[in-house]
Amino acid sequence: MARRPTLVRRLGPAWALTTTLAALSGCDEAAPRATAKQVASRTELVGGPSALGEIGDYLLENDKIRVVVQGPGFSRGFGVYGGSLIDADLQRPASPGSPAGGRGHDNFG
């Protein structure tokens, strides 16, 4: 029986890219913060004109950047079966009246 890849294996390359981008963006050593979670609400997505993220995808973020890795299933971005980095943006402050689907300006693609 074939083993299904674990979340860590699927997110490994994307997480490496996220940490590299954070290092290049001048990440502040004083208060490092990084989280990874499955998106449960459209307001957690990056958002923007080219955003492809949906509920069920994975959000990786730190105090400088936010990226979305597509969950399993037919690909909406690169590749065939998901697991690809599909949205990327800088961290942006929340603003009242942000449209559903995130508050970012994703043009990744």
C-alpha atoms as a PDB file:
ATOM      1  CA  MET A   1       0.000   0.000   0.000  1.00  0.00           C
ATOM      2  CA  ALA A   2       1.384   3.437  -0.956  1.00  0.00           C
ATOM      3  CA  ARG A   3       1.952   5.925   1.842  1.00  0.00           C
ATOM      4  CA  ARG A   4       0.332   9.320   1.523  1.00  0.00           C
ATOM      5  CA  PRO A   5       2.833  12.152   1.886  1.00  0.00           C
ATOM      6  CA  THR A   6       2.714  13.878   5.226  1.00  0.00           C
ATOM      7  CA  LEU A   7       1.986  17.583   5.550  1.00  0.00           C
ATOM      8  CA  VAL A   8       5.641  18.161   6.391  1.00  0.00           C
ATOM      9  CA  ARG A   9       6.784  16.486   3.159  1.00  0.00           C
ATOM     10  CA  ARG A  10       4.253  18.371   1.049  1.00  0.00           C
ATOM     11  CA  LEU A  11       5.081  21.754   2.588  1.00  0.00           C
ATOM     12  CA  GLY A  12       8.851  21.182   2.814  1.00  0.00           C
ATOM     13  CA  PRO A  13       9.888  23.001  -0.392  1.00  0.00           C
ATOM     14  CA  ALA A  14       7.378  25.812   0.172  1.00  0.00           C
ATOM     15  CA  TRP A  15       8.499  26.250   3.781  1.00  0.00           C
ATOM     16  CA  ALA A  16      12.123  26.425   2.639  1.00  0.00           C
ATOM     17  CA  LEU A  17      11.156  29.110   0.114  1.00  0.00           C
ATOM     18  CA  THR A  18       9.247  31.030   2.806  1.00  0.00           C
ATOM     19  CA  THR A  19      12.178  31.062   5.213  1.00  0.00           C
ATOM     20  CA  THR A  20      14.572  32.054   2.405  1.00  0.00           C
ATOM     21  CA  LEU A  21      12.323  34.947   1.372  1.00  0.00           C
ATOM     22  CA  ALA A  22      12.088  36.022   5.007  1.00  0.00           C
ATOM     23  CA  ALA A  23      15.861  36.037   5.341  1.00  0.00           C
ATOM     24  CA  LEU A  24      16.229  38.099   2.176  1.00  0.00           C
ATOM     25  CA  SER A  25      13.572  40.581   3.326  1.00  0.00           C
ATOM     26  CA  GLY A  26      15.643  41.572   6.379  1.00  0.00           C
ATOM     27  CA  CYS A  27      13.767  39.540   8.990  1.00  0.00           C
ATOM     28  CA  ASP A  28      14.121  41.194  12.417  1.00  0.00           C
ATOM     29  CA  GLU A  29      15.867  38.920  14.945  1.00  0.00           C
ATOM     30  CA  ALA A  30      14.146  40.568  17.936  1.00  0.00           C
ATOM     31  CA  ALA A  31      10.740  38.916  17.608  1.00  0.00           C
ATOM     32  CA  PRO A  32      10.716  36.092  15.048  1.00  0.00           C
ATOM     33  CA  ARG A  33       7.301  34.682  14.257  1.00  0.00           C
ATOM     34  CA  ALA A  34       6.308  31.971  11.825  1.00  0.00           C
ATOM     35  CA  THR A  35       3.072  30.008  11.514  1.00  0.00           C
ATOM     36  CA  ALA A  36       1.641  27.365   9.221  1.00  0.00           C
ATOM     37  CA  LYS A  37      -2.054  26.450   9.226  1.00  0.00           C
ATOM     38  CA  GLN A  38      -4.841  25.204   7.035  1.00  0.00           C
ATOM     39  CA  VAL A  39      -7.034  28.052   5.780  1.00  0.00           C
ATOM     40  CA  ALA A  40     -10.484  27.913   7.401  1.00  0.00           C
ATOM     41  CA  SER A  41     -11.876  31.293   6.288  1.00  0.00           C
ATOM     42  CA  ARG A  42     -11.535  33.399   3.118  1.00  0.00           C
ATOM     43  CA  THR A  43     -10.357  36.323   5.263  1.00  0.00           C
ATOM     44  CA  GLU A  44      -7.174  34.322   6.076  1.00  0.00           C
ATOM     45  CA  LEU A  45      -6.166  34.138   2.397  1.00  0.00           C
ATOM     46  CA  VAL A  46      -3.589  36.432   0.798  1.00  0.00           C
ATOM     47  CA  GLY A  47      -6.018  37.975  -1.702  1.00  0.00           C
ATOM     48  CA  GLY A  48      -5.241  40.199  -4.669  1.00  0.00           C
ATOM     49  CA  PRO A  49      -5.731  40.294  -8.429  1.00  0.00           C
ATOM     50  CA  SER A  50      -3.972  36.978  -9.133  1.00  0.00           C
ATOM     51  CA  ALA A  51      -4.804  35.132  -5.897  1.00  0.00           C
ATOM     52  CA  LEU A  52      -5.747  31.460  -6.340  1.00  0.00           C
ATOM     53  CA  GLY A  53      -5.990  30.334  -2.697  1.00  0.00           C
ATOM     54  CA  GLU A  54      -9.148  28.690  -1.354  1.00  0.00           C
ATOM     55  CA  ILE A  55     -10.398  27.328   1.968  1.00  0.00           C
ATOM     56  CA  GLY A  56      -8.496  24.103   2.693  1.00  0.00           C
ATOM     57  CA  ASP A  57      -5.162  25.362   1.318  1.00  0.00           C
ATOM     58  CA  TYR A  58      -2.242  26.093   3.662  1.00  0.00           C
ATOM     59  CA  LEU A  59      -1.128  29.533   4.834  1.00  0.00           C
ATOM     60  CA  LEU A  60       2.539  30.006   5.753  1.00  0.00           C
ATOM     61  CA  GLU A  61       3.468  33.358   7.238  1.00  0.00           C
ATOM     62  CA  ASN A  62       5.926  35.233   9.362  1.00  0.00           C
ATOM     63  CA  ASP A  63       6.175  38.882  10.372  1.00  0.00           C
ATOM     64  CA  LYS A  64       7.295  39.873   6.831  1.00  0.00           C
ATOM     65  CA  ILE A  65       5.523  37.658   4.253  1.00  0.00           C
ATOM     66  CA  ARG A  66       2.429  35.494   3.650  1.00  0.00           C
ATOM     67  CA  VAL A  67       2.226  32.619   1.156  1.00  0.00           C
ATOM     68  CA  VAL A  68      -0.429  30.044   0.300  1.00  0.00           C
ATOM     69  CA  VAL A  69       0.389  26.463  -0.680  1.00  0.00           C
ATOM     70  CA  GLN A  70      -2.411  24.636  -2.472  1.00  0.00           C
ATOM     71  CA  GLY A  71      -3.917  21.685  -0.642  1.00  0.00           C
ATOM     72  CA  PRO A  72      -4.397  18.264  -2.267  1.00  0.00           C
ATOM     73  CA  GLY A  73      -6.609  18.004  -5.327  1.00  0.00           C
ATOM     74  CA  PHE A  74      -6.605  19.128  -8.942  1.00  0.00           C
ATOM     75  CA  SER A  75      -4.199  22.035  -9.323  1.00  0.00           C
ATOM     76  CA  ARG A  76      -5.438  25.613  -9.700  1.00  0.00           C
ATOM     77  CA  GLY A  77      -1.868  26.771 -10.242  1.00  0.00           C
ATOM     78  CA  PHE A  78       1.356  24.981 -11.132  1.00  0.00           C
ATOM     79  CA  GLY A  79       1.744  21.223 -11.249  1.00  0.00           C
ATOM     80  CA  VAL A  80      -1.070  18.688 -11.422  1.00  0.00           C
ATOM     81  CA  TYR A  81      -2.140  17.641  -7.916  1.00  0.00           C
ATOM     82  CA  GLY A  82      -1.632  20.629  -5.626  1.00  0.00           C
ATOM     83  CA  GLY A  83       1.156  21.189  -3.126  1.00  0.00           C
ATOM     84  CA  SER A  84       2.506  24.185  -5.067  1.00  0.00           C
ATOM     85  CA  LEU A  85       3.084  27.737  -3.919  1.00  0.00           C
ATOM     86  CA  ILE A  86       0.169  29.648  -5.490  1.00  0.00           C
ATOM     87  CA  ASP A  87      -0.032  33.029  -3.679  1.00  0.00           C
ATOM     88  CA  ALA A  88       2.618  35.298  -2.161  1.00  0.00           C
ATOM     89  CA  ASP A  89       2.609  38.790  -0.666  1.00  0.00           C
ATOM     90  CA  LEU A  90       4.152  40.947   2.017  1.00  0.00           C
ATOM     91  CA  GLN A  91       2.456  41.160   5.417  1.00  0.00           C
ATOM     92  CA  ARG A  92      -0.047  44.010   5.201  1.00  0.00           C
ATOM     93  CA  PRO A  93      -1.999  45.598   8.044  1.00  0.00           C
ATOM     94  CA  ALA A  94      -5.675  44.727   8.347  1.00  0.00           C
ATOM     95  CA  SER A  95      -7.957  47.488   7.160  1.00  0.00           C
ATOM     96  CA  PRO A  96     -11.658  47.991   7.797  1.00  0.00           C
ATOM     97  CA  GLY A  97     -13.765  46.941   4.838  1.00  0.00           C
ATOM     98  CA  SER A  98     -11.156  44.593   3.351  1.00  0.00           C
ATOM     99  CA  PRO A  99     -12.826  42.528   0.623  1.00  0.00           C
ATOM    100  CA  ALA A 100     -13.530  38.859   1.303  1.00  0.00           C
ATOM    101  CA  GLY A 101     -10.658  36.735   0.110  1.00  0.00           C
ATOM    102  CA  GLY A 102      -7.823  38.456   1.927  1.00  0.00           C
ATOM    103  CA  ARG A 103      -6.235  41.857   2.156  1.00  0.00           C
ATOM    104  CA  GLY A 104      -3.172  41.337  -0.001  1.00  0.00           C
ATOM    105  CA  HIS A 105      -1.995  42.292  -3.444  1.00  0.00           C
ATOM    106  CA  ASP A 106      -0.916  38.911  -4.838  1.00  0.00           C
ATOM    107  CA  ASN A 107       0.482  39.081  -8.372  1.00  0.00           C
ATOM    108  CA  PHE A 108       2.426  35.818  -8.071  1.00  0.00           C
ATOM    109  CA  GLY A 109       2.343  33.796 -11.242  1.00  0.00           C
END
